[in-house]
Amino acid sequence: MNIIKSIRVWRNNVEELRSLDCLEFVSVSQDKHRRMDITVRFKDEATDGSPIARTGDWLVQYKTGKWQRFGNNVYQSLSFNPVQKLPNFIF
């Protein structure tokens, strides 16, 4: 896999998420305990996988330009493989 960028759907990355051309929208809401709930949707042409990602998920861009959503556990096993290098890692 040729991963060129990854970003976590997280409160610290909202502005970075909003700047991504691959996303149709970024929705941010807060509950009564002031926890942020973030939902993003990929544009149809940006991914062949699930178009919706939520708080805690990871968005990964491949060299082909396509994006994919991963849950945290799967992403951790993918990204911390010593053979794999992630040059544009944003946590």
Protein backbone atom coordinates (compact mmCIF):
# COMPACT_ATOMS: atom_id res chain seq x y z
CA MET A 1 0.00 0.00 0.00
CA ASN A 2 1.28 3.42 -0.87
CA ILE A 3 -0.18 5.72 1.76
CA ILE A 4 0.61 9.38 1.19
CA LYS A 5 -1.56 11.06 3.84
CA SER A 6 -3.54 10.16 6.93
CA ILE A 7 -5.62 12.27 9.29
CA ARG A 8 -7.75 11.40 12.29
CA VAL A 9 -11.32 12.65 12.59
CA TRP A 10 -10.71 14.48 15.84
CA ARG A 11 -11.51 17.85 17.40
CA ASN A 12 -7.95 19.14 16.91
CA ASN A 13 -8.16 18.47 13.16
CA VAL A 14 -11.50 20.07 12.26
CA GLU A 15 -9.97 22.91 10.22
CA GLU A 16 -7.63 20.51 8.41
CA LEU A 17 -10.59 18.24 7.63
CA ARG A 18 -12.59 21.18 6.26
CA SER A 19 -9.72 22.01 3.91
CA LEU A 20 -9.69 18.54 2.29
CA ASP A 21 -11.07 18.50 -1.27
CA CYS A 22 -12.15 14.86 -0.92
CA LEU A 23 -14.88 15.66 1.63
CA GLU A 24 -18.41 16.70 0.78
CA PHE A 25 -19.08 18.00 4.30
CA VAL A 26 -17.76 18.13 7.86
CA SER A 27 -20.44 18.28 10.57
CA VAL A 28 -19.51 19.19 14.15
CA SER A 29 -21.90 19.09 17.12
CA GLN A 30 -21.49 19.12 20.88
CA ASP A 31 -23.45 17.21 23.48
CA LYS A 32 -24.37 18.49 26.96
CA HIS A 33 -21.02 17.23 28.33
CA ARG A 34 -19.17 19.37 25.74
CA ARG A 35 -17.92 16.32 23.82
CA MET A 36 -17.56 16.91 20.10
CA ASP A 37 -19.25 14.60 17.65
CA ILE A 38 -17.74 14.94 14.18
CA THR A 39 -19.14 13.34 11.04
CA VAL A 40 -17.54 13.65 7.61
CA ARG A 41 -18.69 12.43 4.21
CA PHE A 42 -16.46 11.66 1.26
CA LYS A 43 -17.40 12.88 -2.19
CA ASP A 44 -18.61 9.95 -4.34
CA GLU A 45 -15.52 9.95 -6.56
CA ALA A 46 -13.06 10.16 -3.62
CA THR A 47 -13.57 6.64 -2.24
CA ASP A 48 -14.71 3.16 -3.21
CA GLY A 49 -15.40 2.30 0.45
CA SER A 50 -17.65 3.68 3.15
CA PRO A 51 -18.45 7.35 2.49
CA ILE A 52 -19.08 8.23 6.16
CA ALA A 53 -16.48 8.61 8.93
CA ARG A 54 -17.03 9.69 12.52
CA THR A 55 -15.03 10.92 15.50
CA GLY A 56 -12.02 8.68 16.14
CA ASP A 57 -11.88 7.21 12.61
CA TRP A 58 -8.91 7.71 10.31
CA LEU A 59 -8.95 8.96 6.73
CA VAL A 60 -6.14 7.56 4.59
CA GLN A 61 -5.16 8.71 1.10
CA TYR A 62 -3.38 6.32 -1.24
CA LYS A 63 -0.97 7.17 -4.03
CA THR A 64 -3.83 6.57 -6.50
CA GLY A 65 -5.63 9.59 -5.02
CA LYS A 66 -8.43 7.48 -3.52
CA TRP A 67 -9.31 7.75 0.17
CA GLN A 68 -10.42 5.12 2.66
CA ARG A 69 -11.85 5.25 6.16
CA PHE A 70 -10.43 3.03 8.90
CA GLY A 71 -11.49 2.47 12.48
CA ASN A 72 -8.85 3.23 15.09
CA ASN A 73 -7.84 -0.40 15.83
CA VAL A 74 -7.38 -1.32 12.18
CA TYR A 75 -5.50 1.90 11.49
CA GLN A 76 -3.14 1.28 14.41
CA SER A 77 -2.25 -2.17 13.11
CA LEU A 78 -1.79 -0.77 9.59
CA SER A 79 0.25 2.32 10.47
CA PHE A 80 2.52 0.91 13.12
CA ASN A 81 3.79 -1.87 10.92
CA PRO A 82 7.58 -1.20 10.83
CA VAL A 83 7.65 -1.90 7.09
CA GLN A 84 5.03 0.81 6.39
CA LYS A 85 6.02 4.49 6.47
CA LEU A 86 3.54 7.35 6.69
CA PRO A 87 5.19 10.58 5.51
CA ASN A 88 2.24 12.94 6.15
CA PHE A 89 1.00 11.62 9.48
CA ILE A 90 -1.36 14.09 11.24
CA PHE A 91 -2.53 13.10 14.73
